[in-house]
Amino acid sequence: MEKKENCMTVKRVLWIIVCVAWVNVAQSQSLVKASAIHYQVEIDIRKFDPANGKALPDPIIKFETDAYYSDSHVRTFNRRVKSVEDYDLTLRQRLYDQASTSEYNVDHEAKFMVLKEAHVYKPKSTGKKKTILNYACKEYTVTDFQGRQLSFWVTDKLGKNVSPWGNFQIEGTALEITSSFGVHFIAAEFATGEVDGHFFDVPSDYQIDKIPFPTKAK
């Protein structure tokens, strides 16, 4: 059974990372500026996994996700805060270069990564607008490599191509994500600080599986 994880706000997590960075500064001699966004996440298993989710009396799993981003990279951390009995779901960490079209999905416990290599997306504007946490946002839609629909509410006032669900080449930062498969992210708070210079490095000793990009995905 999965161990129960303590929940911390993004400010608390960022402060811990900053402290660790300072402890290790003699080794790395490098800190980089970073910002972070804390998201509340709900996943409806009836939509995410219809074959197994229909019979669940309470099909909602909840996570908290912190997305850290610099001027060039994004890295996420996920914490489960509500489980569903007899159903196990783990969200892998996202790690990507914001200027690239690739993305790593990382499982540190198993020392395993999935590389979505050259997944090129062209988000389409719907023309809809709304405000989230005092940021003006525009809606963009994407069809992922599995043919599933996603909606991103994006602000251009924060980072570039920042998304807690991975690299979809959006023109800004996603403060809310909805999907046809039951996944919903909503931003809750923000923080800024510094992290170790190797914080966004890709692990060099993990097993890697690659997922090619199908031509039908857009």
C-alpha atoms as a PDB file:
ATOM      1  CA  MET A   1       0.000   0.000   0.000  1.00  0.00           C
ATOM      2  CA  GLU A   2       1.251   3.458  -0.834  1.00  0.00           C
ATOM      3  CA  LYS A   3       2.635   5.466   2.057  1.00  0.00           C
ATOM      4  CA  LYS A   4       0.639   8.514   3.112  1.00  0.00           C
ATOM      5  CA  GLU A   5       2.383  11.688   1.995  1.00  0.00           C
ATOM      6  CA  ASN A   6       2.432  14.957   3.923  1.00  0.00           C
ATOM      7  CA  CYS A   7       0.950  17.932   2.077  1.00  0.00           C
ATOM      8  CA  MET A   8       2.937  21.168   1.925  1.00  0.00           C
ATOM      9  CA  THR A   9       2.221  24.440   0.209  1.00  0.00           C
ATOM     10  CA  VAL A  10       4.380  25.353  -2.743  1.00  0.00           C
ATOM     11  CA  LYS A  11       6.023  28.123  -0.677  1.00  0.00           C
ATOM     12  CA  ARG A  12       7.079  25.606   1.963  1.00  0.00           C
ATOM     13  CA  VAL A  13       8.422  23.163  -0.647  1.00  0.00           C
ATOM     14  CA  LEU A  14      10.305  25.896  -2.468  1.00  0.00           C
ATOM     15  CA  TRP A  15      11.858  27.104   0.806  1.00  0.00           C
ATOM     16  CA  ILE A  16      13.038  23.561   1.568  1.00  0.00           C
ATOM     17  CA  ILE A  17      14.608  23.265  -1.876  1.00  0.00           C
ATOM     18  CA  VAL A  18      16.321  26.620  -1.420  1.00  0.00           C
ATOM     19  CA  CYS A  19      17.745  25.469   1.936  1.00  0.00           C
ATOM     20  CA  VAL A  20      19.010  22.221   0.427  1.00  0.00           C
ATOM     21  CA  ALA A  21      20.560  24.208  -2.401  1.00  0.00           C
ATOM     22  CA  TRP A  22      22.437  26.409   0.064  1.00  0.00           C
ATOM     23  CA  VAL A  23      23.651  23.395   2.027  1.00  0.00           C
ATOM     24  CA  ASN A  24      25.039  21.928  -1.198  1.00  0.00           C
ATOM     25  CA  VAL A  25      26.289  25.206  -2.631  1.00  0.00           C
ATOM     26  CA  ALA A  26      29.933  24.315  -1.842  1.00  0.00           C
ATOM     27  CA  GLN A  27      29.568  21.353  -4.190  1.00  0.00           C
ATOM     28  CA  SER A  28      27.504  22.879  -6.991  1.00  0.00           C
ATOM     29  CA  GLN A  29      28.525  26.565  -6.683  1.00  0.00           C
ATOM     30  CA  SER A  30      25.413  27.321  -8.713  1.00  0.00           C
ATOM     31  CA  LEU A  31      21.914  28.578  -8.006  1.00  0.00           C
ATOM     32  CA  VAL A  32      19.264  29.533 -10.537  1.00  0.00           C
ATOM     33  CA  LYS A  33      16.207  31.700 -10.138  1.00  0.00           C
ATOM     34  CA  ALA A  34      12.930  29.807 -10.257  1.00  0.00           C
ATOM     35  CA  SER A  35       9.224  30.318  -9.747  1.00  0.00           C
ATOM     36  CA  ALA A  36       6.632  27.788  -8.692  1.00  0.00           C
ATOM     37  CA  ILE A  37       2.884  27.316  -8.997  1.00  0.00           C
ATOM     38  CA  HIS A  38       0.853  25.112  -6.694  1.00  0.00           C
ATOM     39  CA  TYR A  39      -2.067  23.311  -8.358  1.00  0.00           C
ATOM     40  CA  GLN A  40      -4.986  21.370  -6.934  1.00  0.00           C
ATOM     41  CA  VAL A  41      -5.708  18.314  -9.061  1.00  0.00           C
ATOM     42  CA  GLU A  42      -8.764  16.075  -9.377  1.00  0.00           C
ATOM     43  CA  ILE A  43      -8.945  12.953 -11.537  1.00  0.00           C
ATOM     44  CA  ASP A  44     -12.302  11.307 -12.235  1.00  0.00           C
ATOM     45  CA  ILE A  45     -11.506   7.615 -12.716  1.00  0.00           C
ATOM     46  CA  ARG A  46     -14.834   7.054 -14.486  1.00  0.00           C
ATOM     47  CA  LYS A  47     -13.455   9.130 -17.384  1.00  0.00           C
ATOM     48  CA  PHE A  48      -9.747   8.412 -16.940  1.00  0.00           C
ATOM     49  CA  ASP A  49     -10.214   4.631 -16.848  1.00  0.00           C
ATOM     50  CA  PRO A  50     -13.853   3.828 -17.765  1.00  0.00           C
ATOM     51  CA  ALA A  51     -13.368   0.059 -17.711  1.00  0.00           C
ATOM     52  CA  ASN A  52     -12.340   0.063 -14.051  1.00  0.00           C
ATOM     53  CA  GLY A  53     -13.891   3.301 -12.841  1.00  0.00           C
ATOM     54  CA  LYS A  54     -17.589   2.635 -13.371  1.00  0.00           C
ATOM     55  CA  ALA A  55     -17.949   0.405 -10.325  1.00  0.00           C
ATOM     56  CA  LEU A  56     -16.112   2.712  -7.925  1.00  0.00           C
ATOM     57  CA  PRO A  57     -18.425   4.297  -5.318  1.00  0.00           C
ATOM     58  CA  ASP A  58     -16.119   7.309  -4.951  1.00  0.00           C
ATOM     59  CA  PRO A  59     -14.185   7.712  -8.231  1.00  0.00           C
ATOM     60  CA  ILE A  60     -12.299  10.972  -7.505  1.00  0.00           C
ATOM     61  CA  ILE A  61      -8.558  10.874  -6.765  1.00  0.00           C
ATOM     62  CA  LYS A  62      -6.942  14.135  -5.632  1.00  0.00           C
ATOM     63  CA  PHE A  63      -3.355  15.296  -5.959  1.00  0.00           C
ATOM     64  CA  GLU A  64      -1.376  18.451  -5.334  1.00  0.00           C
ATOM     65  CA  THR A  65       1.125  19.381  -8.011  1.00  0.00           C
ATOM     66  CA  ASP A  66       3.912  21.952  -7.791  1.00  0.00           C
ATOM     67  CA  ALA A  67       5.294  23.129 -11.114  1.00  0.00           C
ATOM     68  CA  TYR A  68       8.739  24.749 -10.856  1.00  0.00           C
ATOM     69  CA  TYR A  69      10.012  26.741 -13.787  1.00  0.00           C
ATOM     70  CA  SER A  70      13.045  28.794 -14.724  1.00  0.00           C
ATOM     71  CA  ASP A  71      13.684  30.730 -17.926  1.00  0.00           C
ATOM     72  CA  SER A  72      14.369  27.464 -19.712  1.00  0.00           C
ATOM     73  CA  HIS A  73      12.917  24.414 -17.903  1.00  0.00           C
ATOM     74  CA  VAL A  74       9.888  23.007 -16.090  1.00  0.00           C
ATOM     75  CA  ARG A  75       9.824  20.305 -13.420  1.00  0.00           C
ATOM     76  CA  THR A  76       6.817  19.066 -11.436  1.00  0.00           C
ATOM     77  CA  PHE A  77       6.250  17.298  -8.124  1.00  0.00           C
ATOM     78  CA  ASN A  78       3.036  15.414  -7.323  1.00  0.00           C
ATOM     79  CA  ARG A  79       1.557  14.434  -3.957  1.00  0.00           C
ATOM     80  CA  ARG A  80      -1.527  12.307  -3.545  1.00  0.00           C
ATOM     81  CA  VAL A  81      -3.942  13.795  -1.009  1.00  0.00           C
ATOM     82  CA  LYS A  82      -6.989  11.589  -1.556  1.00  0.00           C
ATOM     83  CA  SER A  83      -6.975   7.973  -2.691  1.00  0.00           C
ATOM     84  CA  VAL A  84      -9.663   5.687  -4.042  1.00  0.00           C
ATOM     85  CA  GLU A  85     -10.060   2.314  -2.388  1.00  0.00           C
ATOM     86  CA  ASP A  86      -8.870  -0.608  -4.523  1.00  0.00           C
ATOM     87  CA  TYR A  87      -7.461   1.676  -7.221  1.00  0.00           C
ATOM     88  CA  ASP A  88      -3.841   2.799  -7.545  1.00  0.00           C
ATOM     89  CA  LEU A  89      -2.765   5.742  -9.683  1.00  0.00           C
ATOM     90  CA  THR A  90       0.598   7.496  -9.717  1.00  0.00           C
ATOM     91  CA  LEU A  91       1.370  10.715 -11.575  1.00  0.00           C
ATOM     92  CA  ARG A  92       4.894  10.798 -12.952  1.00  0.00           C
ATOM     93  CA  GLN A  93       6.986  13.932 -12.634  1.00  0.00           C
ATOM     94  CA  ARG A  94       7.118  16.090 -15.769  1.00  0.00           C
ATOM     95  CA  LEU A  95      10.493  17.480 -16.826  1.00  0.00           C
ATOM     96  CA  TYR A  96      11.128  19.403 -20.017  1.00  0.00           C
ATOM     97  CA  ASP A  97      13.013  22.152 -21.817  1.00  0.00           C
ATOM     98  CA  GLN A  98      10.515  24.918 -22.602  1.00  0.00           C
ATOM     99  CA  ALA A  99      12.058  25.552 -26.030  1.00  0.00           C
ATOM    100  CA  SER A 100      11.842  21.878 -27.029  1.00  0.00           C
ATOM    101  CA  THR A 101       9.054  19.599 -28.264  1.00  0.00           C
ATOM    102  CA  SER A 102      10.056  16.714 -25.994  1.00  0.00           C
ATOM    103  CA  GLU A 103       9.202  15.776 -22.423  1.00  0.00           C
ATOM    104  CA  TYR A 104      10.345  13.306 -19.765  1.00  0.00           C
ATOM    105  CA  ASN A 105       7.845  11.563 -17.467  1.00  0.00           C
ATOM    106  CA  VAL A 106       9.975  10.497 -14.504  1.00  0.00           C
ATOM    107  CA  ASP A 107       9.448   7.810 -11.857  1.00  0.00           C
ATOM    108  CA  HIS A 108      12.297   8.358  -9.391  1.00  0.00           C
ATOM    109  CA  GLU A 109      11.387   5.416  -7.165  1.00  0.00           C
ATOM    110  CA  ALA A 110      11.665   2.974 -10.076  1.00  0.00           C
ATOM    111  CA  LYS A 111      14.514   4.917 -11.747  1.00  0.00           C
ATOM    112  CA  PHE A 112      12.487   4.923 -14.942  1.00  0.00           C
ATOM    113  CA  MET A 113      11.539   7.578 -17.508  1.00  0.00           C
ATOM    114  CA  VAL A 114       9.233   7.806 -20.492  1.00  0.00           C
ATOM    115  CA  LEU A 115      10.564  10.149 -23.182  1.00  0.00           C
ATOM    116  CA  LYS A 116       7.906  11.718 -25.384  1.00  0.00           C
ATOM    117  CA  GLU A 117      10.285  12.704 -28.134  1.00  0.00           C
ATOM    118  CA  ALA A 118       9.452  15.408 -30.696  1.00  0.00           C
ATOM    119  CA  HIS A 119       5.780  15.670 -29.749  1.00  0.00           C
ATOM    120  CA  VAL A 120       4.850  18.752 -31.754  1.00  0.00           C
ATOM    121  CA  TYR A 121       1.616  20.522 -30.777  1.00  0.00           C
ATOM    122  CA  LYS A 122      -0.124  23.603 -32.155  1.00  0.00           C
ATOM    123  CA  PRO A 123      -2.575  24.863 -29.502  1.00  0.00           C
ATOM    124  CA  LYS A 124      -5.671  26.478 -31.014  1.00  0.00           C
ATOM    125  CA  SER A 125      -7.289  29.549 -29.513  1.00  0.00           C
ATOM    126  CA  THR A 126     -11.028  29.323 -28.826  1.00  0.00           C
ATOM    127  CA  GLY A 127     -11.383  33.075 -28.331  1.00  0.00           C
ATOM    128  CA  LYS A 128     -12.717  32.532 -24.797  1.00  0.00           C
ATOM    129  CA  LYS A 129     -11.318  34.525 -21.871  1.00  0.00           C
ATOM    130  CA  LYS A 130     -11.572  34.481 -18.092  1.00  0.00           C
ATOM    131  CA  THR A 131      -9.637  35.597 -15.016  1.00  0.00           C
ATOM    132  CA  ILE A 132      -7.863  33.152 -12.686  1.00  0.00           C
ATOM    133  CA  LEU A 133      -6.163  34.452  -9.521  1.00  0.00           C
ATOM    134  CA  ASN A 134      -6.269  37.968 -10.983  1.00  0.00           C
ATOM    135  CA  TYR A 135      -4.524  36.883 -14.206  1.00  0.00           C
ATOM    136  CA  ALA A 136      -6.291  37.349 -17.530  1.00  0.00           C
ATOM    137  CA  CYS A 137      -6.338  33.999 -19.320  1.00  0.00           C
ATOM    138  CA  LYS A 138      -7.197  32.799 -22.817  1.00  0.00           C
ATOM    139  CA  GLU A 139      -8.376  29.297 -23.658  1.00  0.00           C
ATOM    140  CA  TYR A 140      -6.401  27.038 -25.995  1.00  0.00           C
ATOM    141  CA  THR A 141      -7.263  23.484 -27.012  1.00  0.00           C
ATOM    142  CA  VAL A 142      -4.983  20.598 -27.924  1.00  0.00           C
ATOM    143  CA  THR A 143      -5.457  16.980 -29.017  1.00  0.00           C
ATOM    144  CA  ASP A 144      -2.777  14.860 -27.346  1.00  0.00           C
ATOM    145  CA  PHE A 145      -0.856  11.944 -28.861  1.00  0.00           C
ATOM    146  CA  GLN A 146      -3.595   9.537 -27.710  1.00  0.00           C
ATOM    147  CA  GLY A 147      -6.329  11.548 -29.422  1.00  0.00           C
ATOM    148  CA  ARG A 148      -7.683  13.025 -26.184  1.00  0.00           C
ATOM    149  CA  GLN A 149      -8.909  16.603 -25.854  1.00  0.00           C
ATOM    150  CA  LEU A 150      -7.377  19.132 -23.453  1.00  0.00           C
ATOM    151  CA  SER A 151      -8.245  22.723 -22.660  1.00  0.00           C
ATOM    152  CA  PHE A 152      -5.596  25.128 -21.303  1.00  0.00           C
ATOM    153  CA  TRP A 153      -6.402  28.479 -19.704  1.00  0.00           C
ATOM    154  CA  VAL A 154      -3.197  30.424 -20.328  1.00  0.00           C
ATOM    155  CA  THR A 155      -1.800  33.726 -19.092  1.00  0.00           C
ATOM    156  CA  ASP A 156       1.067  35.515 -20.824  1.00  0.00           C
ATOM    157  CA  LYS A 157       2.099  37.352 -17.636  1.00  0.00           C
ATOM    158  CA  LEU A 158       4.153  34.546 -16.053  1.00  0.00           C
ATOM    159  CA  GLY A 159       6.459  31.932 -17.601  1.00  0.00           C
ATOM    160  CA  LYS A 160       6.648  30.624 -21.143  1.00  0.00           C
ATOM    161  CA  ASN A 161       5.320  27.162 -21.992  1.00  0.00           C
ATOM    162  CA  VAL A 162       4.596  26.197 -18.373  1.00  0.00           C
ATOM    163  CA  SER A 163       2.137  23.349 -17.828  1.00  0.00           C
ATOM    164  CA  PRO A 164       1.799  20.857 -14.946  1.00  0.00           C
ATOM    165  CA  TRP A 165       0.574  18.210 -17.398  1.00  0.00           C
ATOM    166  CA  GLY A 166       3.587  18.396 -19.692  1.00  0.00           C
ATOM    167  CA  ASN A 167       5.020  20.084 -22.777  1.00  0.00           C
ATOM    168  CA  PHE A 168       2.258  21.226 -25.116  1.00  0.00           C
ATOM    169  CA  GLN A 169       4.125  24.293 -26.449  1.00  0.00           C
ATOM    170  CA  ILE A 170       1.640  26.789 -25.027  1.00  0.00           C
ATOM    171  CA  GLU A 171       2.290  30.529 -25.325  1.00  0.00           C
ATOM    172  CA  GLY A 172       2.451  31.253 -21.609  1.00  0.00           C
ATOM    173  CA  THR A 173       1.519  29.564 -18.319  1.00  0.00           C
ATOM    174  CA  ALA A 174      -1.479  27.284 -17.821  1.00  0.00           C
ATOM    175  CA  LEU A 175      -3.429  28.225 -14.680  1.00  0.00           C
ATOM    176  CA  GLU A 176      -6.201  25.734 -15.356  1.00  0.00           C
ATOM    177  CA  ILE A 177      -6.377  22.546 -17.411  1.00  0.00           C
ATOM    178  CA  THR A 178      -9.490  20.513 -18.160  1.00  0.00           C
ATOM    179  CA  SER A 179      -9.693  17.377 -20.263  1.00  0.00           C
ATOM    180  CA  SER A 180     -11.999  14.867 -21.900  1.00  0.00           C
ATOM    181  CA  PHE A 181     -10.467  12.127 -19.737  1.00  0.00           C
ATOM    182  CA  GLY A 182     -11.296  13.451 -16.277  1.00  0.00           C
ATOM    183  CA  VAL A 183      -8.106  15.322 -15.333  1.00  0.00           C
ATOM    184  CA  HIS A 184      -8.483  18.848 -13.911  1.00  0.00           C
ATOM    185  CA  PHE A 185      -5.726  21.198 -12.692  1.00  0.00           C
ATOM    186  CA  ILE A 186      -6.401  24.576 -11.079  1.00  0.00           C
ATOM    187  CA  ALA A 187      -3.694  26.960  -9.817  1.00  0.00           C
ATOM    188  CA  ALA A 188      -3.933  27.928  -6.134  1.00  0.00           C
ATOM    189  CA  GLU A 189      -0.811  29.926  -5.206  1.00  0.00           C
ATOM    190  CA  PHE A 190       2.585  31.145  -6.396  1.00  0.00           C
ATOM    191  CA  ALA A 191       6.140  31.434  -5.079  1.00  0.00           C
ATOM    192  CA  THR A 192       9.575  32.565  -6.269  1.00  0.00           C
ATOM    193  CA  GLY A 193      13.101  31.783  -5.113  1.00  0.00           C
ATOM    194  CA  GLU A 194      16.272  29.955  -6.138  1.00  0.00           C
ATOM    195  CA  VAL A 195      17.045  26.280  -6.681  1.00  0.00           C
ATOM    196  CA  ASP A 196      20.212  24.260  -7.114  1.00  0.00           C
ATOM    197  CA  GLY A 197      21.814  24.581 -10.526  1.00  0.00           C
ATOM    198  CA  HIS A 198      21.228  20.865 -11.191  1.00  0.00           C
ATOM    199  CA  PHE A 199      17.566  20.946 -10.127  1.00  0.00           C
ATOM    200  CA  PHE A 200      16.325  20.693 -13.734  1.00  0.00           C
ATOM    201  CA  ASP A 201      18.881  18.107 -14.895  1.00  0.00           C
ATOM    202  CA  VAL A 202      17.642  14.919 -16.559  1.00  0.00           C
ATOM    203  CA  PRO A 203      18.725  11.810 -14.591  1.00  0.00           C
ATOM    204  CA  SER A 204      21.567  10.089 -16.416  1.00  0.00           C
ATOM    205  CA  ASP A 205      21.234   6.580 -14.979  1.00  0.00           C
ATOM    206  CA  TYR A 206      17.512   5.863 -15.419  1.00  0.00           C
ATOM    207  CA  GLN A 207      15.972   3.364 -17.822  1.00  0.00           C
ATOM    208  CA  ILE A 208      14.238   5.152 -20.717  1.00  0.00           C
ATOM    209  CA  ASP A 209      11.330   4.129 -22.929  1.00  0.00           C
ATOM    210  CA  LYS A 210      10.449   6.330 -25.897  1.00  0.00           C
ATOM    211  CA  ILE A 211       6.950   7.160 -27.173  1.00  0.00           C
ATOM    212  CA  PRO A 212       6.903   8.257 -30.818  1.00  0.00           C
ATOM    213  CA  PHE A 213       4.557  11.023 -31.908  1.00  0.00           C
ATOM    214  CA  PRO A 214       1.689   9.780 -34.097  1.00  0.00           C
ATOM    215  CA  THR A 215       0.933  11.914 -37.129  1.00  0.00           C
ATOM    216  CA  LYS A 216      -2.772  12.231 -36.246  1.00  0.00           C
ATOM    217  CA  ALA A 217      -2.150  14.104 -32.963  1.00  0.00           C
ATOM    218  CA  LYS A 218      -2.343  17.911 -33.196  1.00  0.00           C
END
